[in-house]
Amino acid sequence: MIDDVRKKFLGKPFNFLWSQGGDQFDWEDSMNLGFGYPAVVALTVGKKKFATMRSAWSKEKLESFVNGLAMNREYFSDMREVPKLKKATAWKAEEAAEKIDL
């Protein structure tokens, strides 16, 4: 889903990344992301600003959020700090399913 949206916005000033909850705790903390997952966040690292998608998770809602960013319709909050990214192990759906007995 994220890759489909990324392709739709090729050539626009956006980069997309996915991170598993808890792997980048310092980032999550700096943006007050303690409300649950999945969460979509837009960052302007140079300005220390972020915006959080507040609607339900779907391809259409993600496209609408990114369009809102492009048209300056989203509200940005200040980040307390810009932490460094930590190296994390790749997420594997099979391993996650085994851990929760699916």
PDB file of N, CA and C in Angstrom:
ATOM      1  N   MET A   1       0.831  -1.186   0.000  1.00  0.00           N
ATOM      2  CA  MET A   1       0.000   0.000   0.000  1.00  0.00           C
ATOM      3  C   MET A   1       0.878   1.254   0.000  1.00  0.00           C
ATOM      4  N   ILE A   2       1.885   1.270   0.872  1.00  0.00           N
ATOM      5  CA  ILE A   2       2.770   2.434   0.944  1.00  0.00           C
ATOM      6  C   ILE A   2       3.527   2.597  -0.365  1.00  0.00           C
ATOM      7  N   ASP A   3       3.956   1.473  -0.953  1.00  0.00           N
ATOM      8  CA  ASP A   3       4.692   1.544  -2.212  1.00  0.00           C
ATOM      9  C   ASP A   3       3.804   2.084  -3.336  1.00  0.00           C
ATOM     10  N   ASP A   4       2.522   1.716  -3.349  1.00  0.00           N
ATOM     11  CA  ASP A   4       1.598   2.254  -4.361  1.00  0.00           C
ATOM     12  C   ASP A   4       1.474   3.769  -4.233  1.00  0.00           C
ATOM     13  N   VAL A   5       1.352   4.258  -3.013  1.00  0.00           N
ATOM     14  CA  VAL A   5       1.237   5.702  -2.786  1.00  0.00           C
ATOM     15  C   VAL A   5       2.549   6.393  -3.147  1.00  0.00           C
ATOM     16  N   ARG A   6       3.675   5.770  -2.773  1.00  0.00           N
ATOM     17  CA  ARG A   6       4.980   6.329  -3.116  1.00  0.00           C
ATOM     18  C   ARG A   6       5.105   6.507  -4.630  1.00  0.00           C
ATOM     19  N   LYS A   7       4.695   5.495  -5.389  1.00  0.00           N
ATOM     20  CA  LYS A   7       4.778   5.565  -6.858  1.00  0.00           C
ATOM     21  C   LYS A   7       3.905   6.683  -7.408  1.00  0.00           C
ATOM     22  N   LYS A   8       2.753   6.902  -6.799  1.00  0.00           N
ATOM     23  CA  LYS A   8       1.846   7.957  -7.261  1.00  0.00           C
ATOM     24  C   LYS A   8       2.475   9.343  -7.099  1.00  0.00           C
ATOM     25  N   PHE A   9       3.354   9.500  -6.113  1.00  0.00           N
ATOM     26  CA  PHE A   9       3.953  10.796  -5.832  1.00  0.00           C
ATOM     27  C   PHE A   9       5.414  10.891  -6.277  1.00  0.00           C
ATOM     28  N   LEU A  10       5.833  10.013  -7.200  1.00  0.00           N
ATOM     29  CA  LEU A  10       7.200  10.099  -7.737  1.00  0.00           C
ATOM     30  C   LEU A  10       7.418  11.477  -8.344  1.00  0.00           C
ATOM     31  N   GLY A  11       8.589  12.043  -8.119  1.00  0.00           N
ATOM     32  CA  GLY A  11       8.889  13.375  -8.640  1.00  0.00           C
ATOM     33  C   GLY A  11       8.484  14.490  -7.698  1.00  0.00           C
ATOM     34  N   LYS A  12       7.713  14.174  -6.676  1.00  0.00           N
ATOM     35  CA  LYS A  12       7.311  15.162  -5.668  1.00  0.00           C
ATOM     36  C   LYS A  12       8.346  15.132  -4.539  1.00  0.00           C
ATOM     37  N   PRO A  13       8.403  16.174  -3.729  1.00  0.00           N
ATOM     38  CA  PRO A  13       9.439  16.235  -2.678  1.00  0.00           C
ATOM     39  C   PRO A  13       9.109  15.390  -1.440  1.00  0.00           C
ATOM     40  N   PHE A  14       8.797  14.105  -1.651  1.00  0.00           N
ATOM     41  CA  PHE A  14       8.467  13.219  -0.552  1.00  0.00           C
ATOM     42  C   PHE A  14       9.349  11.979  -0.594  1.00  0.00           C
ATOM     43  N   ASN A  15       9.732  11.498   0.551  1.00  0.00           N
ATOM     44  CA  ASN A  15      10.401  10.207   0.701  1.00  0.00           C
ATOM     45  C   ASN A  15       9.556   9.397   1.672  1.00  0.00           C
ATOM     46  N   PHE A  16       9.512   8.101   1.469  1.00  0.00           N
ATOM     47  CA  PHE A  16       8.706   7.233   2.311  1.00  0.00           C
ATOM     48  C   PHE A  16       9.592   6.222   3.011  1.00  0.00           C
ATOM     49  N   LEU A  17       9.273   5.940   4.270  1.00  0.00           N
ATOM     50  CA  LEU A  17       9.992   4.919   5.008  1.00  0.00           C
ATOM     51  C   LEU A  17       9.025   4.256   5.962  1.00  0.00           C
ATOM     52  N   TRP A  18       9.268   2.997   6.244  1.00  0.00           N
ATOM     53  CA  TRP A  18       8.444   2.235   7.167  1.00  0.00           C
ATOM     54  C   TRP A  18       9.323   1.776   8.310  1.00  0.00           C
ATOM     55  N   SER A  19       8.821   1.869   9.513  1.00  0.00           N
ATOM     56  CA  SER A  19       9.552   1.398  10.683  1.00  0.00           C
ATOM     57  C   SER A  19       8.586   0.676  11.608  1.00  0.00           C
ATOM     58  N   GLN A  20       9.040  -0.421  12.149  1.00  0.00           N
ATOM     59  CA  GLN A  20       8.246  -1.185  13.104  1.00  0.00           C
ATOM     60  C   GLN A  20       8.185  -0.439  14.436  1.00  0.00           C
ATOM     61  N   GLY A  21       7.017  -0.392  15.045  1.00  0.00           N
ATOM     62  CA  GLY A  21       6.862   0.263  16.337  1.00  0.00           C
ATOM     63  C   GLY A  21       7.853  -0.258  17.359  1.00  0.00           C
ATOM     64  N   GLY A  22       8.535   0.652  18.037  1.00  0.00           N
ATOM     65  CA  GLY A  22       9.500   0.291  19.061  1.00  0.00           C
ATOM     66  C   GLY A  22      10.939   0.262  18.581  1.00  0.00           C
ATOM     67  N   ASP A  23      11.157   0.107  17.268  1.00  0.00           N
ATOM     68  CA  ASP A  23      12.528   0.060  16.748  1.00  0.00           C
ATOM     69  C   ASP A  23      13.216   1.424  16.786  1.00  0.00           C
ATOM     70  N   GLN A  24      12.445   2.484  16.682  1.00  0.00           N
ATOM     71  CA  GLN A  24      12.997   3.843  16.691  1.00  0.00           C
ATOM     72  C   GLN A  24      12.326   4.640  17.819  1.00  0.00           C
ATOM     73  N   PHE A  25      12.445   4.123  19.026  1.00  0.00           N
ATOM     74  CA  PHE A  25      11.716   4.703  20.160  1.00  0.00           C
ATOM     75  C   PHE A  25      12.008   6.188  20.360  1.00  0.00           C
ATOM     76  N   ASP A  26      13.257   6.618  20.180  1.00  0.00           N
ATOM     77  CA  ASP A  26      13.582   8.039  20.366  1.00  0.00           C
ATOM     78  C   ASP A  26      12.797   8.921  19.401  1.00  0.00           C
ATOM     79  N   TRP A  27      12.617   8.450  18.164  1.00  0.00           N
ATOM     80  CA  TRP A  27      11.812   9.192  17.185  1.00  0.00           C
ATOM     81  C   TRP A  27      10.354   9.211  17.626  1.00  0.00           C
ATOM     82  N   GLU A  28       9.838   8.053  18.010  1.00  0.00           N
ATOM     83  CA  GLU A  28       8.441   7.963  18.446  1.00  0.00           C
ATOM     84  C   GLU A  28       8.183   8.906  19.614  1.00  0.00           C
ATOM     85  N   ASP A  29       9.104   8.928  20.566  1.00  0.00           N
ATOM     86  CA  ASP A  29       8.965   9.782  21.744  1.00  0.00           C
ATOM     87  C   ASP A  29       9.013  11.260  21.358  1.00  0.00           C
ATOM     88  N   SER A  30       9.892  11.623  20.425  1.00  0.00           N
ATOM     89  CA  SER A  30      10.020  13.032  20.053  1.00  0.00           C
ATOM     90  C   SER A  30       8.786  13.550  19.329  1.00  0.00           C
ATOM     91  N   MET A  31       7.936  12.622  18.824  1.00  0.00           N
ATOM     92  CA  MET A  31       6.714  13.018  18.120  1.00  0.00           C
ATOM     93  C   MET A  31       5.455  12.595  18.878  1.00  0.00           C
ATOM     94  N   ASN A  32       5.603  12.204  20.142  1.00  0.00           N
ATOM     95  CA  ASN A  32       4.460  11.819  20.978  1.00  0.00           C
ATOM     96  C   ASN A  32       3.609  10.720  20.348  1.00  0.00           C
ATOM     97  N   LEU A  33       4.248   9.675  19.841  1.00  0.00           N
ATOM     98  CA  LEU A  33       3.512   8.605  19.175  1.00  0.00           C
ATOM     99  C   LEU A  33       3.154   7.461  20.117  1.00  0.00           C
ATOM    100  N   GLY A  34       2.713   7.744  21.294  1.00  0.00           N
ATOM    101  CA  GLY A  34       2.348   6.707  22.245  1.00  0.00           C
ATOM    102  C   GLY A  34       0.916   6.245  22.117  1.00  0.00           C
ATOM    103  N   PHE A  35       0.209   6.633  21.068  1.00  0.00           N
ATOM    104  CA  PHE A  35      -1.218   6.345  20.958  1.00  0.00           C
ATOM    105  C   PHE A  35      -1.534   5.037  20.259  1.00  0.00           C
ATOM    106  N   GLY A  36      -0.565   4.363  19.691  1.00  0.00           N
ATOM    107  CA  GLY A  36      -0.823   3.096  19.020  1.00  0.00           C
ATOM    108  C   GLY A  36      -0.394   3.116  17.574  1.00  0.00           C
ATOM    109  N   TYR A  37      -0.502   1.955  16.978  1.00  0.00           N
ATOM    110  CA  TYR A  37      -0.021   1.786  15.612  1.00  0.00           C
ATOM    111  C   TYR A  37      -1.075   1.090  14.790  1.00  0.00           C
ATOM    112  N   PRO A  38      -1.047   1.208  13.488  1.00  0.00           N
ATOM    113  CA  PRO A  38      -0.051   1.924  12.698  1.00  0.00           C
ATOM    114  C   PRO A  38      -0.263   3.428  12.752  1.00  0.00           C
ATOM    115  N   ALA A  39       0.802   4.158  12.589  1.00  0.00           N
ATOM    116  CA  ALA A  39       0.756   5.615  12.562  1.00  0.00           C
ATOM    117  C   ALA A  39       1.499   6.098  11.320  1.00  0.00           C
ATOM    118  N   VAL A  40       0.993   7.140  10.711  1.00  0.00           N
ATOM    119  CA  VAL A  40       1.657   7.753   9.566  1.00  0.00           C
ATOM    120  C   VAL A  40       2.053   9.158   9.988  1.00  0.00           C
ATOM    121  N   VAL A  41       3.318   9.468   9.794  1.00  0.00           N
ATOM    122  CA  VAL A  41       3.844  10.760  10.216  1.00  0.00           C
ATOM    123  C   VAL A  41       4.624  11.383   9.063  1.00  0.00           C
ATOM    124  N   ALA A  42       4.434  12.667   8.849  1.00  0.00           N
ATOM    125  CA  ALA A  42       5.224  13.427   7.871  1.00  0.00           C
ATOM    126  C   ALA A  42       6.233  14.258   8.643  1.00  0.00           C
ATOM    127  N   LEU A  43       7.466  14.268   8.165  1.00  0.00           N
ATOM    128  CA  LEU A  43       8.533  14.995   8.846  1.00  0.00           C
ATOM    129  C   LEU A  43       9.137  16.068   7.955  1.00  0.00           C
ATOM    130  N   THR A  44       9.456  17.188   8.556  1.00  0.00           N
ATOM    131  CA  THR A  44      10.307  18.206   7.958  1.00  0.00           C
ATOM    132  C   THR A  44      11.456  18.331   8.934  1.00  0.00           C
ATOM    133  N   VAL A  45      12.452  17.451   8.751  1.00  0.00           N
ATOM    134  CA  VAL A  45      13.526  17.314   9.729  1.00  0.00           C
ATOM    135  C   VAL A  45      14.293  18.617   9.910  1.00  0.00           C
ATOM    136  N   GLY A  46      14.604  19.319   8.811  1.00  0.00           N
ATOM    137  CA  GLY A  46      15.361  20.566   8.906  1.00  0.00           C
ATOM    138  C   GLY A  46      14.670  21.632   9.749  1.00  0.00           C
ATOM    139  N   LYS A  47      13.352  21.633   9.735  1.00  0.00           N
ATOM    140  CA  LYS A  47      12.586  22.613  10.514  1.00  0.00           C
ATOM    141  C   LYS A  47      12.119  22.049  11.853  1.00  0.00           C
ATOM    142  N   LYS A  48      12.441  20.769  12.117  1.00  0.00           N
ATOM    143  CA  LYS A  48      12.013  20.090  13.338  1.00  0.00           C
ATOM    144  C   LYS A  48      10.495  20.137  13.506  1.00  0.00           C
ATOM    145  N   LYS A  49       9.773  19.774  12.441  1.00  0.00           N
ATOM    146  CA  LYS A  49       8.310  19.777  12.433  1.00  0.00           C
ATOM    147  C   LYS A  49       7.798  18.413  11.994  1.00  0.00           C
ATOM    148  N   PHE A  50       6.591  18.063  12.453  1.00  0.00           N
ATOM    149  CA  PHE A  50       5.961  16.822  12.031  1.00  0.00           C
ATOM    150  C   PHE A  50       4.448  16.978  11.993  1.00  0.00           C
ATOM    151  N   ALA A  51       3.809  16.177  11.152  1.00  0.00           N
ATOM    152  CA  ALA A  51       2.351  16.115  11.074  1.00  0.00           C
ATOM    153  C   ALA A  51       1.949  14.652  11.158  1.00  0.00           C
ATOM    154  N   THR A  52       0.879  14.363  11.859  1.00  0.00           N
ATOM    155  CA  THR A  52       0.410  12.994  12.033  1.00  0.00           C
ATOM    156  C   THR A  52      -0.918  12.808  11.313  1.00  0.00           C
ATOM    157  N   MET A  53      -1.016  11.733  10.522  1.00  0.00           N
ATOM    158  CA  MET A  53      -2.280  11.404   9.861  1.00  0.00           C
ATOM    159  C   MET A  53      -3.245  10.943  10.937  1.00  0.00           C
ATOM    160  N   ARG A  54      -4.390  11.570  11.027  1.00  0.00           N
ATOM    161  CA  ARG A  54      -5.331  11.285  12.106  1.00  0.00           C
ATOM    162  C   ARG A  54      -6.550  10.481  11.654  1.00  0.00           C
ATOM    163  N   SER A  55      -6.580  10.085  10.397  1.00  0.00           N
ATOM    164  CA  SER A  55      -7.724   9.309   9.900  1.00  0.00           C
ATOM    165  C   SER A  55      -7.404   7.819   9.892  1.00  0.00           C
ATOM    166  N   ALA A  56      -8.393   7.030   9.586  1.00  0.00           N
ATOM    167  CA  ALA A  56      -8.210   5.575   9.512  1.00  0.00           C
ATOM    168  C   ALA A  56      -7.181   5.229   8.441  1.00  0.00           C
ATOM    169  N   TRP A  57      -6.573   4.068   8.577  1.00  0.00           N
ATOM    170  CA  TRP A  57      -5.492   3.632   7.705  1.00  0.00           C
ATOM    171  C   TRP A  57      -6.060   2.978   6.448  1.00  0.00           C
ATOM    172  N   SER A  58      -5.862   3.623   5.288  1.00  0.00           N
ATOM    173  CA  SER A  58      -6.232   3.045   3.997  1.00  0.00           C
ATOM    174  C   SER A  58      -5.404   3.748   2.925  1.00  0.00           C
ATOM    175  N   LYS A  59      -5.350   3.156   1.758  1.00  0.00           N
ATOM    176  CA  LYS A  59      -4.600   3.749   0.652  1.00  0.00           C
ATOM    177  C   LYS A  59      -5.161   5.134   0.312  1.00  0.00           C
ATOM    178  N   GLU A  60      -6.477   5.229   0.244  1.00  0.00           N
ATOM    179  CA  GLU A  60      -7.123   6.497  -0.104  1.00  0.00           C
ATOM    180  C   GLU A  60      -6.836   7.578   0.939  1.00  0.00           C
ATOM    181  N   LYS A  61      -6.887   7.200   2.221  1.00  0.00           N
ATOM    182  CA  LYS A  61      -6.623   8.171   3.294  1.00  0.00           C
ATOM    183  C   LYS A  61      -5.159   8.604   3.281  1.00  0.00           C
ATOM    184  N   LEU A  62      -4.252   7.667   2.983  1.00  0.00           N
ATOM    185  CA  LEU A  62      -2.836   8.011   2.898  1.00  0.00           C
ATOM    186  C   LEU A  62      -2.591   8.962   1.736  1.00  0.00           C
ATOM    187  N   GLU A  63      -3.207   8.703   0.586  1.00  0.00           N
ATOM    188  CA  GLU A  63      -3.084   9.608  -0.558  1.00  0.00           C
ATOM    189  C   GLU A  63      -3.629  10.994  -0.218  1.00  0.00           C
ATOM    190  N   SER A  64      -4.752  11.037   0.473  1.00  0.00           N
ATOM    191  CA  SER A  64      -5.347  12.311   0.875  1.00  0.00           C
ATOM    192  C   SER A  64      -4.434  13.076   1.828  1.00  0.00           C
ATOM    193  N   PHE A  65      -3.811  12.353   2.760  1.00  0.00           N
ATOM    194  CA  PHE A  65      -2.877  12.972   3.705  1.00  0.00           C
ATOM    195  C   PHE A  65      -1.687  13.586   2.963  1.00  0.00           C
ATOM    196  N   VAL A  66      -1.098  12.827   2.037  1.00  0.00           N
ATOM    197  CA  VAL A  66       0.054  13.333   1.289  1.00  0.00           C
ATOM    198  C   VAL A  66      -0.361  14.514   0.413  1.00  0.00           C
ATOM    199  N   ASN A  67      -1.541  14.446  -0.199  1.00  0.00           N
ATOM    200  CA  ASN A  67      -2.049  15.597  -0.966  1.00  0.00           C
ATOM    201  C   ASN A  67      -2.212  16.816  -0.072  1.00  0.00           C
ATOM    202  N   GLY A  68      -2.730  16.603   1.137  1.00  0.00           N
ATOM    203  CA  GLY A  68      -2.891  17.701   2.089  1.00  0.00           C
ATOM    204  C   GLY A  68      -1.554  18.325   2.456  1.00  0.00           C
ATOM    205  N   LEU A  69      -0.521  17.497   2.572  1.00  0.00           N
ATOM    206  CA  LEU A  69       0.824  18.023   2.842  1.00  0.00           C
ATOM    207  C   LEU A  69       1.286  18.896   1.680  1.00  0.00           C
ATOM    208  N   ALA A  70       1.076  18.396   0.460  1.00  0.00           N
ATOM    209  CA  ALA A  70       1.514  19.127  -0.737  1.00  0.00           C
ATOM    210  C   ALA A  70       0.801  20.463  -0.870  1.00  0.00           C
ATOM    211  N   MET A  71      -0.450  20.536  -0.405  1.00  0.00           N
ATOM    212  CA  MET A  71      -1.231  21.776  -0.513  1.00  0.00           C
ATOM    213  C   MET A  71      -1.208  22.596   0.764  1.00  0.00           C
ATOM    214  N   ASN A  72      -0.327  22.202   1.695  1.00  0.00           N
ATOM    215  CA  ASN A  72      -0.154  22.948   2.948  1.00  0.00           C
ATOM    216  C   ASN A  72      -1.441  23.007   3.767  1.00  0.00           C
ATOM    217  N   ARG A  73      -2.203  21.912   3.772  1.00  0.00           N
ATOM    218  CA  ARG A  73      -3.448  21.846   4.540  1.00  0.00           C
ATOM    219  C   ARG A  73      -3.304  21.057   5.838  1.00  0.00           C
ATOM    220  N   GLU A  74      -2.124  20.510   6.097  1.00  0.00           N
ATOM    221  CA  GLU A  74      -1.916  19.722   7.309  1.00  0.00           C
ATOM    222  C   GLU A  74      -1.241  20.578   8.376  1.00  0.00           C
ATOM    223  N   TYR A  75      -1.594  20.331   9.618  1.00  0.00           N
ATOM    224  CA  TYR A  75      -1.019  21.069  10.751  1.00  0.00           C
ATOM    225  C   TYR A  75       0.268  20.384  11.198  1.00  0.00           C
ATOM    226  N   PHE A  76       1.339  21.151  11.308  1.00  0.00           N
ATOM    227  CA  PHE A  76       2.626  20.628  11.764  1.00  0.00           C
ATOM    228  C   PHE A  76       2.890  21.063  13.202  1.00  0.00           C
ATOM    229  N   SER A  77       3.425  20.131  13.980  1.00  0.00           N
ATOM    230  CA  SER A  77       3.821  20.405  15.363  1.00  0.00           C
ATOM    231  C   SER A  77       5.336  20.437  15.447  1.00  0.00           C
ATOM    232  N   ASP A  78       5.849  21.015  16.523  1.00  0.00           N
ATOM    233  CA  ASP A  78       7.295  21.069  16.736  1.00  0.00           C
ATOM    234  C   ASP A  78       7.794  19.767  17.343  1.00  0.00           C
ATOM    235  N   MET A  79       8.954  19.305  16.865  1.00  0.00           N
ATOM    236  CA  MET A  79       9.628  18.153  17.480  1.00  0.00           C
ATOM    237  C   MET A  79      10.509  18.686  18.593  1.00  0.00           C
ATOM    238  N   ARG A  80      10.582  17.933  19.678  1.00  0.00           N
ATOM    239  CA  ARG A  80      11.467  18.349  20.774  1.00  0.00           C
ATOM    240  C   ARG A  80      12.921  18.246  20.355  1.00  0.00           C
ATOM    241  N   GLU A  81      13.249  17.212  19.604  1.00  0.00           N
ATOM    242  CA  GLU A  81      14.616  16.989  19.137  1.00  0.00           C
ATOM    243  C   GLU A  81      14.541  16.137  17.881  1.00  0.00           C
ATOM    244  N   VAL A  82      15.633  16.044  17.151  1.00  0.00           N
ATOM    245  CA  VAL A  82      15.710  15.164  15.994  1.00  0.00           C
ATOM    246  C   VAL A  82      16.746  14.090  16.316  1.00  0.00           C
ATOM    247  N   PRO A  83      16.292  12.940  16.799  1.00  0.00           N
ATOM    248  CA  PRO A  83      17.229  11.884  17.185  1.00  0.00           C
ATOM    249  C   PRO A  83      17.873  11.221  15.968  1.00  0.00           C
ATOM    250  N   LYS A  84      18.937  10.497  16.207  1.00  0.00           N
ATOM    251  CA  LYS A  84      19.575   9.720  15.152  1.00  0.00           C
ATOM    252  C   LYS A  84      18.800   8.418  14.974  1.00  0.00           C
ATOM    253  N   LEU A  85      18.716   7.953  13.734  1.00  0.00           N
ATOM    254  CA  LEU A  85      18.093   6.656  13.476  1.00  0.00           C
ATOM    255  C   LEU A  85      19.001   5.547  13.970  1.00  0.00           C
ATOM    256  N   LYS A  86      18.404   4.518  14.526  1.00  0.00           N
ATOM    257  CA  LYS A  86      19.159   3.362  15.007  1.00  0.00           C
ATOM    258  C   LYS A  86      19.077   2.250  13.971  1.00  0.00           C
ATOM    259  N   LYS A  87      20.117   1.448  13.902  1.00  0.00           N
ATOM    260  CA  LYS A  87      20.093   0.289  13.018  1.00  0.00           C
ATOM    261  C   LYS A  87      19.107  -0.720  13.601  1.00  0.00           C
ATOM    262  N   ALA A  88      18.237  -1.260  12.764  1.00  0.00           N
ATOM    263  CA  ALA A  88      17.230  -2.213  13.217  1.00  0.00           C
ATOM    264  C   ALA A  88      17.252  -3.433  12.304  1.00  0.00           C
ATOM    265  N   THR A  89      16.820  -4.552  12.835  1.00  0.00           N
ATOM    266  CA  THR A  89      16.743  -5.761  12.020  1.00  0.00           C
ATOM    267  C   THR A  89      15.507  -5.703  11.136  1.00  0.00           C
ATOM    268  N   ALA A  90      15.637  -6.274   9.963  1.00  0.00           N
ATOM    269  CA  ALA A  90      14.512  -6.289   9.025  1.00  0.00           C
ATOM    270  C   ALA A  90      13.336  -7.049   9.623  1.00  0.00           C
ATOM    271  N   TRP A  91      12.140  -6.529   9.404  1.00  0.00           N
ATOM    272  CA  TRP A  91      10.922  -7.152   9.897  1.00  0.00           C
ATOM    273  C   TRP A  91      10.510  -8.257   8.938  1.00  0.00           C
ATOM    274  N   LYS A  92      10.158  -9.407   9.471  1.00  0.00           N
ATOM    275  CA  LYS A  92       9.723 -10.532   8.651  1.00  0.00           C
ATOM    276  C   LYS A  92       8.352 -10.980   9.134  1.00  0.00           C
ATOM    277  N   ALA A  93       7.372 -10.910   8.249  1.00  0.00           N
ATOM    278  CA  ALA A  93       5.996 -11.248   8.607  1.00  0.00           C
ATOM    279  C   ALA A  93       5.883 -12.663   9.153  1.00  0.00           C
ATOM    280  N   GLU A  94       6.652 -13.609   8.584  1.00  0.00           N
ATOM    281  CA  GLU A  94       6.562 -14.998   9.030  1.00  0.00           C
ATOM    282  C   GLU A  94       6.970 -15.131  10.501  1.00  0.00           C
ATOM    283  N   GLU A  95       8.062 -14.457  10.869  1.00  0.00           N
ATOM    284  CA  GLU A  95       8.539 -14.527  12.254  1.00  0.00           C
ATOM    285  C   GLU A  95       7.543 -13.876  13.214  1.00  0.00           C
ATOM    286  N   ALA A  96       6.947 -12.753  12.789  1.00  0.00           N
ATOM    287  CA  ALA A  96       5.964 -12.085  13.645  1.00  0.00           C
ATOM    288  C   ALA A  96       4.745 -12.984  13.851  1.00  0.00           C
ATOM    289  N   ALA A  97       4.300 -13.670  12.803  1.00  0.00           N
ATOM    290  CA  ALA A  97       3.154 -14.568  12.916  1.00  0.00           C
ATOM    291  C   ALA A  97       3.446 -15.725  13.861  1.00  0.00           C
ATOM    292  N   GLU A  98       4.668 -16.257  13.795  1.00  0.00           N
ATOM    293  CA  GLU A  98       5.048 -17.353  14.695  1.00  0.00           C
ATOM    294  C   GLU A  98       5.022 -16.914  16.156  1.00  0.00           C
ATOM    295  N   LYS A  99       5.436 -15.683  16.421  1.00  0.00           N
ATOM    296  CA  LYS A  99       5.482 -15.184  17.796  1.00  0.00           C
ATOM    297  C   LYS A  99       4.102 -15.053  18.408  1.00  0.00           C
ATOM    298  N   ILE A 100       3.089 -14.803  17.561  1.00  0.00           N
ATOM    299  CA  ILE A 100       1.733 -14.656  18.101  1.00  0.00           C
ATOM    300  C   ILE A 100       0.846 -15.832  17.736  1.00  0.00           C
ATOM    301  N   ASP A 101       1.455 -16.928  17.330  1.00  0.00           N
ATOM    302  CA  ASP A 101       0.760 -18.184  17.043  1.00  0.00           C
ATOM    303  C   ASP A 101      -0.366 -18.044  16.018  1.00  0.00           C
ATOM    304  N   LEU A 102      -0.049 -17.471  14.867  1.00  0.00           N
ATOM    305  CA  LEU A 102      -1.058 -17.382  13.802  1.00  0.00           C
ATOM    306  C   LEU A 102      -1.025 -18.603  12.934  1.00  0.00           C
TER     307      LEU A 102
END
